[in-house]
Amino acid sequence: MTDHSSSADGAGEGWPSQQPAPPQLSAEAARSQVAAAWVRVAPQSNVPPGQVAVPSLPPRADRPVAESKKDKREQAKAERKAEYERKRAARKAEYESKQAARASRKGGGKVSASTTSAATTASAEATAPTAGAGPSAAQDAPAPARSGAKGPDARFDVPRPGGRLPSNGRSTHVALRATLLITTCVFALGSCGVTGLVIGRSSVSVKPAALDGKDLDRYRLTDFPVQSAAVFAEEYASLCMTYAPENTDKRRESLSRYISAGVDRDCGWNGKGKQQVKQANWDGTVEELPEYGKNGRYLNIQVTYTGGRTTTLSVPVYVKDLAGASGLRVVGNVGEMPLPIRDTAPALEKSEEVVDQELSAQLREQVLAGYFKAWAASDTTALTRFTTPDATPAAVSGLAGALTAPVVQEVQALAPEGTEVGKKPTYTQGQAVPARVTVVWGGGGADDAKAEVALKRSYRVTVVNTAQGWFIKDIHGGVMDPTGGRADTPSTASPTAAPASGASAPPAPAAPSAPSGGASPGLPTSPKPAASAPAH
């Protein structure tokens, strides 16, 4: 004993004491010992008779539990969500900081406490997910409560008295649903209205507008083919009023193609004498034929004979097919009628017209003489010297040599409206002035150059005042007679000089009439030739 202890003490002087190592147990044996200890420690429950109480063993800690694919997907999803929330919070913090900086600039450098707290909260939200050790810490950390979040930790913003709740997703969703509902209602009401309108219009019988007989006569609106019937009546009138004894049979055969069975086949001719129609034209007169209603009309044809006599022939014409203008037939004997009644023309009221004598003389000598010479020959190069750039085609085309040797006999340039008699009128640049021009053309016989023919023609010319002078813009033929009346009665004969009482005097030649409102200068019958090159 002594030796053993001393050896033991000696060993302990230089080296630490060594305890014997516990025996190594297998994994199964260790698990059995832990299970037995768990049974002794775990509270016992009531076990029905005949059954053995089987304790629930703790999970094995010797090896890690394998995670399923579903758990991995959930963990990855949670990590992505946490990363998204972190980035979103960072963006919000950046936006809040910008808003705070903008508010500071607007407020002169003073930032409100609410703006500062909002920026601080957003910055904390942005950095909170990254404060943990890893994804698990980000998942375990509670997310900051936001307006509109659900759950026990949700934060609800309470507005101040009289204020409004902040806009969030729920309010936007409610507004969208309300908008969709209102739009649907509007479309439904519109569809109902259109349907009702269509049904209402279709149920009401609309009668087409009709014209009475007076309107038809006034506007000559009829279903009767007047033009076709007029041509048919013109041909028949020409055959009827042309006759000669040597052509009796041929004439009767031609007339029979136009007439009905009871109409005189000789058209009232007794077979003696001769007559030739030069021209037969419908004069536009239409009269109803009551016996045939809308299918018949009386048409007046004006017939001119070779001898010069003119008469009117009334021809009754029937048309079977109004739409196709076919089935035409002369259904009665013709009758001669007088020519249309001629009446007097009223005198023109020209008391307010004032003729600018100075401008008339200037146009006659410097402009119109050269213009009509170039216009008669259709000399386009010379016409450009007298016409405006926007002159009408009639003013720049000319007569192409149909008339020659023009002599401007009379010019009446009308002063602007409001010009008082005796005062000199003024003209602005670009102002247009109408003028009545009388031209005598010499050598009018185109086939015989030596024929001494003089033709007097009248024109309405529009001249324009420019910086370079007067230029012609337009020309029309024909000038109105201000006198009126009729020439085939003694009351409107040419005025003559009144003879002394008891004396007779030969009739004086007619003097040119001057228009009312301005005195016409005495123009010679043979005016002097105008200058060939006008000075504008």
Protein backbone atom coordinates (compact mmCIF):
# COMPACT_ATOMS: atom_id res chain seq x y z
CA MET A 1 0.00 0.00 0.00
CA THR A 2 2.76 2.30 0.95
CA ASP A 3 4.70 1.81 -2.18
CA HIS A 4 1.69 2.26 -4.26
CA SER A 5 0.71 5.53 -2.66
CA SER A 6 4.17 6.84 -2.79
CA SER A 7 4.43 6.05 -6.37
CA ALA A 8 1.22 7.74 -6.84
CA ASP A 9 2.36 10.79 -4.99
CA GLY A 10 5.57 10.84 -6.89
CA ALA A 11 3.77 10.69 -10.09
CA GLY A 12 1.63 13.62 -9.00
CA GLU A 13 4.54 15.82 -8.27
CA GLY A 14 5.70 16.18 -11.84
CA TRP A 15 2.63 15.28 -13.93
CA PRO A 16 -1.07 15.96 -13.52
CA SER A 17 -3.24 13.16 -12.34
CA GLN A 18 -4.89 11.26 -15.15
CA GLN A 19 -8.47 10.01 -14.71
CA PRO A 20 -9.44 6.85 -16.46
CA ALA A 21 -11.47 7.58 -19.67
CA PRO A 22 -15.15 6.54 -19.62
CA PRO A 23 -15.99 3.58 -21.72
CA GLN A 24 -17.17 4.44 -25.26
CA LEU A 25 -20.79 3.44 -25.92
CA SER A 26 -22.37 2.82 -29.24
CA ALA A 27 -25.01 5.14 -30.63
CA GLU A 28 -27.78 2.72 -29.91
CA ALA A 29 -26.68 2.17 -26.35
CA ALA A 30 -26.47 5.92 -25.74
CA ARG A 31 -29.91 6.40 -27.21
CA SER A 32 -31.26 3.66 -24.90
CA GLN A 33 -29.80 5.37 -21.84
CA VAL A 34 -31.29 8.72 -22.86
CA ALA A 35 -34.66 7.10 -23.42
CA ALA A 36 -34.58 5.47 -20.01
CA ALA A 37 -33.70 8.75 -18.38
CA TRP A 38 -36.51 10.49 -20.28
CA VAL A 39 -38.96 7.91 -19.03
CA ARG A 40 -37.91 8.48 -15.45
CA VAL A 41 -38.16 12.23 -15.76
CA ALA A 42 -41.28 12.57 -17.98
CA PRO A 43 -44.59 12.75 -16.14
CA GLN A 44 -46.61 9.56 -16.30
CA SER A 45 -50.10 9.68 -17.75
CA ASN A 46 -52.96 7.40 -17.10
CA VAL A 47 -52.68 4.30 -19.28
CA PRO A 48 -55.68 2.12 -19.87
CA PRO A 49 -55.39 -1.40 -18.50
CA GLY A 50 -53.82 -3.92 -20.87
CA GLN A 51 -51.71 -1.25 -22.73
CA VAL A 52 -48.10 -0.33 -22.30
CA ALA A 53 -47.12 3.26 -21.96
CA VAL A 54 -44.76 4.14 -24.79
CA PRO A 55 -42.91 7.35 -24.13
CA SER A 56 -42.30 9.83 -26.94
CA LEU A 57 -38.62 10.09 -27.57
CA PRO A 58 -36.89 13.38 -28.19
CA PRO A 59 -35.52 14.06 -31.66
CA ARG A 60 -32.19 12.65 -32.48
CA ALA A 61 -29.42 15.16 -32.15
CA ASP A 62 -26.61 13.07 -33.50
CA ARG A 63 -27.35 13.96 -37.12
CA PRO A 64 -29.03 16.97 -38.77
CA VAL A 65 -32.61 16.67 -39.93
CA ALA A 66 -32.86 16.81 -43.75
CA GLU A 67 -34.99 19.71 -45.05
CA SER A 68 -37.65 19.01 -47.64
CA LYS A 69 -37.87 20.81 -50.98
CA LYS A 70 -41.01 22.55 -49.85
CA ASP A 71 -39.21 24.02 -46.85
CA LYS A 72 -36.41 25.22 -49.07
CA ARG A 73 -38.86 26.92 -51.43
CA GLU A 74 -40.62 28.58 -48.54
CA GLN A 75 -37.32 29.78 -47.11
CA ALA A 76 -36.19 31.14 -50.50
CA LYS A 77 -39.52 32.84 -50.93
CA ALA A 78 -39.25 34.42 -47.51
CA GLU A 79 -35.75 35.62 -48.31
CA ARG A 80 -36.88 37.18 -51.58
CA LYS A 81 -39.77 38.85 -49.84
CA ALA A 82 -37.51 40.23 -47.17
CA GLU A 83 -35.12 41.53 -49.83
CA TYR A 84 -37.99 43.18 -51.69
CA GLU A 85 -39.25 44.82 -48.51
CA ARG A 86 -35.77 46.05 -47.76
CA LYS A 87 -35.34 47.61 -51.22
CA ARG A 88 -38.81 49.11 -51.07
CA ALA A 89 -38.07 50.64 -47.69
CA ALA A 90 -34.80 51.99 -49.07
CA ARG A 91 -36.57 53.63 -52.00
CA LYS A 92 -39.16 55.07 -49.67
CA ALA A 93 -36.45 56.45 -47.42
CA GLU A 94 -34.74 58.04 -50.39
CA TYR A 95 -38.04 59.57 -51.57
CA GLU A 96 -38.80 60.88 -48.08
CA SER A 97 -35.37 62.44 -47.86
CA LYS A 98 -35.84 64.15 -51.22
CA GLN A 99 -39.24 65.43 -50.10
CA ALA A 100 -37.71 66.71 -46.91
CA ALA A 101 -34.93 68.47 -48.85
CA ARG A 102 -37.47 70.04 -51.23
CA ALA A 103 -39.65 71.18 -48.34
CA SER A 104 -36.55 72.61 -46.68
CA ARG A 105 -35.68 74.63 -49.78
CA LYS A 106 -39.24 75.94 -50.09
CA GLY A 107 -39.51 76.77 -46.39
CA GLY A 108 -36.22 78.63 -46.26
CA GLY A 109 -34.22 75.79 -44.71
CA LYS A 110 -36.78 74.83 -42.03
CA VAL A 111 -37.91 71.22 -42.07
CA SER A 112 -41.09 70.22 -40.29
CA ALA A 113 -40.95 67.64 -37.52
CA SER A 114 -43.38 65.34 -39.33
CA THR A 115 -41.21 65.30 -42.45
CA THR A 116 -38.07 64.58 -40.40
CA SER A 117 -39.76 61.77 -38.46
CA ALA A 118 -41.14 60.26 -41.68
CA ALA A 119 -37.68 60.24 -43.26
CA THR A 120 -36.16 58.74 -40.09
CA THR A 121 -38.81 56.02 -39.92
CA ALA A 122 -38.35 55.17 -43.59
CA SER A 123 -34.57 54.99 -43.12
CA ALA A 124 -34.99 52.68 -40.13
CA GLU A 125 -37.33 50.49 -42.16
CA ALA A 126 -34.75 50.31 -44.94
CA THR A 127 -31.92 49.27 -42.58
CA ALA A 128 -33.92 46.99 -40.25
CA PRO A 129 -33.88 43.87 -42.44
CA THR A 130 -30.09 44.08 -42.86
CA ALA A 131 -29.31 44.41 -39.12
CA GLY A 132 -29.61 40.69 -38.44
CA ALA A 133 -26.98 38.03 -38.90
CA GLY A 134 -28.62 36.58 -42.01
CA PRO A 135 -31.87 35.81 -43.77
CA SER A 136 -33.27 34.15 -40.66
CA ALA A 137 -32.77 37.34 -38.67
CA ALA A 138 -34.51 39.36 -41.39
CA GLN A 139 -37.42 36.95 -41.32
CA ASP A 140 -37.63 36.90 -37.53
CA ALA A 141 -37.54 40.71 -37.26
CA PRO A 142 -41.05 42.18 -37.32
CA ALA A 143 -41.79 44.29 -40.34
CA PRO A 144 -42.78 47.89 -39.67
CA ALA A 145 -46.49 48.44 -39.64
CA ARG A 146 -47.85 50.33 -42.65
CA SER A 147 -51.08 52.07 -43.25
CA GLY A 148 -53.61 49.56 -44.51
CA ALA A 149 -51.77 46.45 -43.13
CA LYS A 150 -53.81 43.66 -41.61
CA GLY A 151 -53.19 41.75 -38.39
CA PRO A 152 -52.96 42.45 -34.69
CA ASP A 153 -49.85 44.62 -35.13
CA ALA A 154 -51.35 46.74 -37.92
CA ARG A 155 -51.07 50.50 -37.45
CA PHE A 156 -54.06 52.66 -38.32
CA ASP A 157 -53.58 56.35 -39.01
CA VAL A 158 -56.07 58.51 -37.17
CA PRO A 159 -56.63 61.85 -38.90
CA ARG A 160 -56.92 65.13 -37.11
CA PRO A 161 -60.42 66.51 -36.54
CA GLY A 162 -61.69 67.70 -39.91
CA GLY A 163 -58.81 66.04 -41.78
CA ARG A 164 -58.71 63.17 -44.25
CA LEU A 165 -57.34 59.70 -44.12
CA PRO A 166 -54.22 59.18 -46.23
CA SER A 167 -54.75 57.60 -49.64
CA ASN A 168 -53.96 53.91 -49.72
CA GLY A 169 -54.58 50.88 -51.83
CA ARG A 170 -57.99 50.14 -50.37
CA SER A 171 -59.38 53.59 -51.17
CA THR A 172 -57.98 53.36 -54.70
CA HIS A 173 -59.64 49.99 -55.11
CA VAL A 174 -62.96 51.40 -53.89
CA ALA A 175 -62.70 54.33 -56.34
CA LEU A 176 -61.92 51.95 -59.19
CA ARG A 177 -64.92 49.80 -58.39
CA ALA A 178 -67.15 52.86 -58.17
CA THR A 179 -65.88 54.11 -61.53
CA LEU A 180 -66.52 50.77 -63.18
CA LEU A 181 -70.02 50.63 -61.69
CA ILE A 182 -70.88 54.14 -62.88
CA THR A 183 -69.51 53.44 -66.38
CA THR A 184 -71.55 50.25 -66.62
CA CYS A 185 -74.69 52.11 -65.59
CA VAL A 186 -74.08 54.85 -68.15
CA PHE A 187 -73.58 52.32 -70.96
CA ALA A 188 -76.71 50.48 -69.91
CA LEU A 189 -78.79 53.66 -69.89
CA GLY A 190 -77.38 54.70 -73.28
CA SER A 191 -78.19 51.32 -74.80
CA CYS A 192 -81.72 51.48 -73.43
CA GLY A 193 -82.16 55.00 -74.83
CA VAL A 194 -80.91 54.09 -78.31
CA THR A 195 -83.06 50.96 -78.37
CA GLY A 196 -86.12 52.93 -77.34
CA LEU A 197 -85.44 55.59 -79.96
CA VAL A 198 -85.09 52.99 -82.70
CA ILE A 199 -88.26 51.19 -81.65
CA GLY A 200 -90.15 54.46 -81.36
CA ARG A 201 -89.09 55.71 -84.78
CA SER A 202 -89.87 52.38 -86.42
CA SER A 203 -93.34 52.29 -84.89
CA VAL A 204 -94.26 55.75 -86.23
CA SER A 205 -95.26 55.87 -89.86
CA VAL A 206 -93.48 58.77 -91.56
CA LYS A 207 -95.17 60.12 -94.62
CA PRO A 208 -92.91 61.44 -97.38
CA ALA A 209 -93.10 65.15 -98.06
CA ALA A 210 -95.32 65.92 -100.99
CA LEU A 211 -95.59 69.00 -103.18
CA ASP A 212 -98.92 70.40 -104.20
CA GLY A 213 -99.91 71.30 -107.71
CA LYS A 214 -98.77 74.91 -107.38
CA ASP A 215 -95.25 73.87 -106.42
CA LEU A 216 -95.13 71.43 -109.31
CA ASP A 217 -96.16 74.15 -111.75
CA ARG A 218 -93.81 76.69 -110.22
CA TYR A 219 -90.69 74.52 -110.32
CA ARG A 220 -91.81 72.40 -113.28
CA LEU A 221 -91.43 69.21 -111.24
CA THR A 222 -93.26 66.39 -112.98
CA ASP A 223 -92.89 62.75 -113.92
CA PHE A 224 -93.75 63.56 -117.51
CA PRO A 225 -90.66 63.29 -119.79
CA VAL A 226 -90.89 66.82 -121.15
CA GLN A 227 -87.59 66.84 -123.05
CA SER A 228 -88.29 63.63 -124.95
CA ALA A 229 -91.86 64.72 -125.73
CA ALA A 230 -90.64 68.14 -126.91
CA VAL A 231 -88.18 66.60 -129.39
CA PHE A 232 -90.96 64.34 -130.67
CA ALA A 233 -93.31 67.33 -131.09
CA GLU A 234 -90.62 69.38 -132.88
CA GLU A 235 -90.12 66.64 -135.47
CA TYR A 236 -93.88 66.34 -136.06
CA ALA A 237 -94.36 70.13 -136.35
CA SER A 238 -91.54 70.36 -138.91
CA LEU A 239 -93.18 67.62 -141.06
CA CYS A 240 -96.67 69.07 -140.62
CA MET A 241 -95.78 72.63 -141.70
CA THR A 242 -93.60 71.55 -144.66
CA TYR A 243 -95.56 70.52 -147.73
CA ALA A 244 -95.40 70.40 -151.54
CA PRO A 245 -97.73 68.69 -154.08
CA GLU A 246 -94.99 66.40 -155.41
CA ASN A 247 -94.31 64.97 -151.94
CA THR A 248 -97.90 64.35 -150.82
CA ASP A 249 -97.72 60.56 -150.45
CA LYS A 250 -94.30 60.56 -148.81
CA ARG A 251 -95.39 63.30 -146.38
CA ARG A 252 -98.57 61.41 -145.44
CA GLU A 253 -96.57 58.25 -144.77
CA SER A 254 -94.09 60.11 -142.56
CA LEU A 255 -96.84 61.82 -140.58
CA SER A 256 -98.67 58.54 -139.93
CA ARG A 257 -95.72 57.32 -137.85
CA TYR A 258 -96.35 60.09 -135.30
CA ILE A 259 -100.15 60.33 -134.98
CA SER A 260 -102.99 58.23 -133.59
CA ALA A 261 -105.68 56.70 -135.81
CA GLY A 262 -108.19 59.58 -135.70
CA VAL A 263 -105.74 62.41 -136.42
CA ASP A 264 -105.72 64.05 -139.87
CA ARG A 265 -103.01 62.30 -141.88
CA ASP A 266 -102.44 65.40 -144.02
CA CYS A 267 -102.11 67.63 -140.94
CA GLY A 268 -104.78 70.03 -142.29
CA TRP A 269 -103.22 70.58 -145.75
CA ASN A 270 -105.48 70.53 -148.82
CA GLY A 271 -102.73 69.48 -151.24
CA LYS A 272 -102.07 72.90 -152.82
CA GLY A 273 -99.19 75.33 -152.42
CA LYS A 274 -95.70 74.95 -150.99
CA GLN A 275 -94.11 75.75 -147.65
CA GLN A 276 -90.77 74.98 -146.04
CA VAL A 277 -89.93 75.03 -142.32
CA LYS A 278 -86.52 76.45 -141.49
CA GLN A 279 -86.52 75.76 -137.74
CA ALA A 280 -88.87 74.28 -135.14
CA ASN A 281 -88.09 74.63 -131.42
CA TRP A 282 -90.02 74.04 -128.21
CA ASP A 283 -90.58 77.38 -126.43
CA GLY A 284 -90.73 75.83 -122.94
CA THR A 285 -94.50 76.07 -122.54
CA VAL A 286 -96.30 72.99 -121.12
CA GLU A 287 -100.06 72.62 -120.65
CA GLU A 288 -101.87 69.70 -119.06
CA LEU A 289 -103.84 67.28 -121.19
CA PRO A 290 -106.82 66.39 -118.91
CA GLU A 291 -108.02 63.43 -120.98
CA TYR A 292 -104.76 61.53 -120.38
CA GLY A 293 -103.88 62.88 -116.92
CA LYS A 294 -100.20 62.64 -116.09
CA ASN A 295 -99.42 60.84 -119.39
CA GLY A 296 -100.37 63.72 -121.70
CA ARG A 297 -99.28 67.32 -122.28
CA TYR A 298 -99.77 70.15 -124.78
CA LEU A 299 -96.39 71.43 -125.98
CA ASN A 300 -95.94 74.73 -127.83
CA ILE A 301 -93.50 74.54 -130.74
CA GLN A 302 -92.19 77.76 -132.30
CA VAL A 303 -91.89 77.32 -136.07
CA THR A 304 -89.87 79.61 -138.35
CA TYR A 305 -90.40 79.38 -142.12
CA THR A 306 -87.86 80.04 -144.85
CA GLY A 307 -89.74 83.21 -145.74
CA GLY A 308 -89.05 84.61 -142.26
CA ARG A 309 -92.51 84.24 -140.71
CA THR A 310 -92.67 82.71 -137.23
CA THR A 311 -95.65 81.09 -135.57
CA THR A 312 -96.43 78.84 -132.60
CA LEU A 313 -97.92 75.38 -133.00
CA SER A 314 -99.65 73.60 -130.06
CA VAL A 315 -99.09 69.83 -130.28
CA PRO A 316 -100.87 67.30 -127.95
CA VAL A 317 -98.45 64.48 -127.03
CA TYR A 318 -99.16 61.23 -125.14
CA VAL A 319 -96.43 59.16 -123.46
CA LYS A 320 -97.22 55.60 -122.37
CA ASP A 321 -94.10 54.80 -120.29
CA LEU A 322 -93.15 57.85 -118.20
CA ALA A 323 -90.06 56.27 -116.66
CA GLY A 324 -88.58 55.08 -119.93
CA ALA A 325 -89.98 57.96 -122.09
CA SER A 326 -91.33 55.48 -124.63
CA GLY A 327 -94.67 54.98 -126.36
CA LEU A 328 -94.96 58.58 -127.64
CA ARG A 329 -97.85 59.54 -129.91
CA VAL A 330 -99.49 62.74 -131.20
CA VAL A 331 -103.09 62.27 -130.09
CA GLY A 332 -104.81 65.28 -131.69
CA ASN A 333 -104.80 67.88 -134.43
CA VAL A 334 -102.48 70.84 -134.01
CA GLY A 335 -103.44 74.48 -133.72
CA GLU A 336 -101.55 77.68 -134.50
CA MET A 337 -101.18 80.15 -131.64
CA PRO A 338 -99.72 83.66 -131.42
CA LEU A 339 -96.14 84.19 -130.37
CA PRO A 340 -95.37 84.83 -126.70
CA ILE A 341 -96.43 88.31 -125.65
CA ARG A 342 -93.62 90.89 -125.72
CA ASP A 343 -93.68 93.60 -123.09
CA THR A 344 -91.74 96.77 -122.35
CA ALA A 345 -88.57 96.70 -120.25
CA PRO A 346 -88.43 98.95 -117.17
CA ALA A 347 -85.91 101.76 -117.03
CA LEU A 348 -82.88 101.21 -114.82
CA GLU A 349 -82.46 103.30 -111.68
CA LYS A 350 -78.97 104.78 -111.89
CA SER A 351 -79.40 108.07 -110.09
CA GLU A 352 -76.60 107.19 -107.62
CA GLU A 353 -74.01 106.44 -110.31
CA VAL A 354 -71.18 108.93 -110.77
CA VAL A 355 -68.91 108.67 -113.82
CA ASP A 356 -65.27 109.66 -113.28
CA GLN A 357 -64.59 111.59 -116.46
CA GLU A 358 -60.87 111.99 -115.78
CA LEU A 359 -60.34 108.28 -115.20
CA SER A 360 -62.48 107.42 -118.22
CA ALA A 361 -60.32 109.54 -120.53
CA GLN A 362 -57.14 108.09 -119.04
CA LEU A 363 -58.31 104.50 -119.54
CA ARG A 364 -59.47 105.20 -123.09
CA GLU A 365 -56.23 106.73 -124.29
CA GLN A 366 -53.55 104.90 -122.30
CA VAL A 367 -54.88 101.45 -121.39
CA LEU A 368 -57.89 100.17 -123.32
CA ALA A 369 -56.73 101.11 -126.80
CA GLY A 370 -53.62 98.94 -126.62
CA TYR A 371 -55.40 96.23 -124.64
CA PHE A 372 -58.16 95.65 -127.20
CA LYS A 373 -55.62 95.56 -130.01
CA ALA A 374 -53.70 92.77 -128.24
CA TRP A 375 -56.95 91.09 -127.11
CA ALA A 376 -58.30 90.95 -130.68
CA ALA A 377 -55.17 89.15 -131.92
CA SER A 378 -54.79 86.99 -128.75
CA ASP A 379 -51.24 88.29 -128.37
CA THR A 380 -50.34 86.80 -124.98
CA THR A 381 -47.03 88.65 -124.78
CA ALA A 382 -48.65 92.03 -125.29
CA LEU A 383 -51.58 91.17 -123.00
CA THR A 384 -49.23 90.79 -120.03
CA ARG A 385 -48.48 94.52 -120.27
CA PHE A 386 -52.16 95.39 -119.66
CA THR A 387 -53.51 92.66 -117.33
CA THR A 388 -53.01 91.84 -113.67
CA PRO A 389 -51.27 88.60 -112.59
CA ASP A 390 -54.61 87.18 -111.40
CA ALA A 391 -56.57 88.19 -114.50
CA THR A 392 -59.42 85.90 -115.61
CA PRO A 393 -59.07 83.57 -118.62
CA ALA A 394 -61.46 85.76 -120.63
CA ALA A 395 -59.20 88.77 -120.10
CA VAL A 396 -56.03 87.03 -121.31
CA SER A 397 -57.39 84.79 -124.09
CA GLY A 398 -58.79 87.15 -126.74
CA LEU A 399 -60.69 86.73 -130.01
CA ALA A 400 -57.92 85.01 -132.02
CA GLY A 401 -58.36 87.38 -134.99
CA ALA A 402 -62.15 87.11 -135.33
CA LEU A 403 -62.37 90.91 -135.17
CA THR A 404 -59.69 93.45 -136.09
CA ALA A 405 -58.90 97.16 -136.01
CA PRO A 406 -60.52 98.07 -132.70
CA VAL A 407 -61.35 101.68 -131.92
CA VAL A 408 -62.39 102.50 -128.36
CA GLN A 409 -65.33 104.83 -128.87
CA GLU A 410 -66.65 105.41 -125.35
CA VAL A 411 -65.53 104.67 -121.79
CA GLN A 412 -67.53 105.23 -118.60
CA ALA A 413 -65.56 104.47 -115.44
CA LEU A 414 -67.81 104.47 -112.37
CA ALA A 415 -66.56 106.25 -109.28
CA PRO A 416 -66.72 104.45 -105.89
CA GLU A 417 -69.98 104.48 -103.97
CA GLY A 418 -70.52 107.56 -101.86
CA THR A 419 -68.66 109.88 -104.23
CA GLU A 420 -70.40 113.23 -104.49
CA VAL A 421 -71.06 114.79 -107.86
CA GLY A 422 -68.46 117.41 -108.77
CA LYS A 423 -65.79 116.09 -106.38
CA LYS A 424 -62.73 114.22 -107.51
CA PRO A 425 -62.86 110.59 -106.33
CA THR A 426 -59.90 108.94 -104.65
CA TYR A 427 -58.78 105.34 -105.15
CA THR A 428 -56.76 103.12 -102.87
CA GLN A 429 -54.10 100.75 -104.08
CA GLY A 430 -55.64 97.46 -105.16
CA GLN A 431 -59.15 98.91 -105.58
CA ALA A 432 -61.21 97.53 -108.49
CA VAL A 433 -63.30 99.87 -110.63
CA PRO A 434 -65.97 98.81 -113.17
CA ALA A 435 -66.07 100.49 -116.56
CA ARG A 436 -68.47 100.32 -119.53
CA VAL A 437 -66.63 100.33 -122.84
CA THR A 438 -67.92 100.68 -126.41
CA VAL A 439 -65.60 99.43 -129.18
CA VAL A 440 -66.04 99.78 -132.95
CA TRP A 441 -64.40 96.91 -134.85
CA GLY A 442 -63.35 97.49 -138.42
CA GLY A 443 -62.84 94.85 -141.14
CA GLY A 444 -65.36 92.53 -139.55
CA GLY A 445 -65.77 90.50 -142.74
CA ALA A 446 -63.23 87.75 -142.10
CA ASP A 447 -63.73 86.15 -145.51
CA ASP A 448 -63.31 89.41 -147.41
CA ALA A 449 -60.45 91.50 -146.10
CA LYS A 450 -61.46 94.48 -148.26
CA ALA A 451 -65.01 94.60 -146.98
CA GLU A 452 -65.70 97.86 -145.22
CA VAL A 453 -67.69 96.56 -142.24
CA ALA A 454 -67.90 98.31 -138.87
CA LEU A 455 -69.33 96.48 -135.83
CA LYS A 456 -70.08 98.22 -132.56
CA ARG A 457 -69.76 96.03 -129.48
CA SER A 458 -70.07 96.80 -125.76
CA TYR A 459 -68.06 95.36 -122.87
CA ARG A 460 -67.91 95.45 -119.06
CA VAL A 461 -64.30 95.80 -118.01
CA THR A 462 -62.88 95.63 -114.46
CA VAL A 463 -59.71 97.63 -113.92
CA VAL A 464 -57.52 97.58 -110.79
CA ASN A 465 -55.47 100.43 -109.36
CA THR A 466 -51.83 99.42 -108.66
CA ALA A 467 -48.58 101.18 -107.87
CA GLN A 468 -47.61 100.99 -111.57
CA GLY A 469 -50.98 102.23 -112.88
CA TRP A 470 -54.31 100.78 -113.97
CA PHE A 471 -54.45 97.18 -115.17
CA ILE A 472 -57.30 95.03 -116.49
CA LYS A 473 -58.49 92.08 -114.40
CA ASP A 474 -61.71 90.91 -116.09
CA ILE A 475 -63.88 91.50 -119.15
CA HIS A 476 -67.48 90.55 -120.00
CA GLY A 477 -69.60 91.23 -123.02
CA GLY A 478 -72.84 93.21 -123.09
CA VAL A 479 -73.93 96.46 -121.42
CA MET A 480 -77.41 97.22 -120.08
CA ASP A 481 -79.63 99.88 -121.67
CA PRO A 482 -80.72 102.30 -118.92
CA THR A 483 -83.62 103.69 -120.98
CA GLY A 484 -85.93 100.64 -121.03
CA GLY A 485 -89.26 100.63 -122.89
CA ARG A 486 -89.68 99.11 -126.35
CA ALA A 487 -88.32 100.15 -129.72
CA ASP A 488 -91.27 99.10 -131.90
CA THR A 489 -93.55 101.92 -130.73
CA PRO A 490 -93.46 105.59 -131.80
CA SER A 491 -93.22 106.72 -128.16
CA THR A 492 -89.69 105.34 -127.83
CA ALA A 493 -88.35 106.51 -131.18
CA SER A 494 -85.03 108.26 -131.34
CA PRO A 495 -85.25 111.79 -129.90
CA THR A 496 -85.32 114.59 -132.46
CA ALA A 497 -84.69 118.27 -132.21
CA ALA A 498 -87.89 120.15 -131.38
CA PRO A 499 -88.80 122.40 -134.36
CA ALA A 500 -90.09 125.89 -133.96
CA SER A 501 -93.84 126.37 -133.89
CA GLY A 502 -95.36 126.11 -137.34
CA ALA A 503 -92.09 124.98 -138.92
CA SER A 504 -90.92 121.56 -139.91
CA ALA A 505 -87.42 120.28 -139.61
CA PRO A 506 -85.79 117.11 -140.84
CA PRO A 507 -85.10 114.47 -138.20
CA ALA A 508 -81.73 114.83 -136.56
CA PRO A 509 -79.45 111.86 -136.10
CA ALA A 510 -79.71 110.09 -132.78
CA ALA A 511 -77.28 111.32 -130.16
CA PRO A 512 -75.66 108.91 -127.78
CA SER A 513 -77.63 108.73 -124.56
CA ALA A 514 -75.78 109.69 -121.41
CA PRO A 515 -76.38 107.70 -118.27
CA SER A 516 -78.10 109.41 -115.41
CA GLY A 517 -75.92 110.58 -112.58
CA GLY A 518 -73.04 111.97 -114.59
CA ALA A 519 -72.56 113.98 -117.75
CA SER A 520 -71.07 112.10 -120.67
CA PRO A 521 -68.42 113.97 -122.59
CA GLY A 522 -69.05 114.69 -126.23
CA LEU A 523 -67.31 111.85 -128.03
CA PRO A 524 -66.67 112.21 -131.76
CA THR A 525 -68.04 109.57 -134.10
CA SER A 526 -64.59 109.03 -135.54
CA PRO A 527 -62.18 109.22 -132.61
CA LYS A 528 -58.53 109.68 -133.16
CA PRO A 529 -56.45 106.51 -133.13
CA ALA A 530 -55.17 105.54 -129.73
CA ALA A 531 -51.50 105.24 -128.95
CA SER A 532 -50.12 101.81 -129.60
CA ALA A 533 -48.08 101.65 -126.39
CA PRO A 534 -50.02 102.78 -123.29
CA ALA A 535 -48.31 104.55 -120.46
CA HIS A 536 -49.33 103.15 -117.11
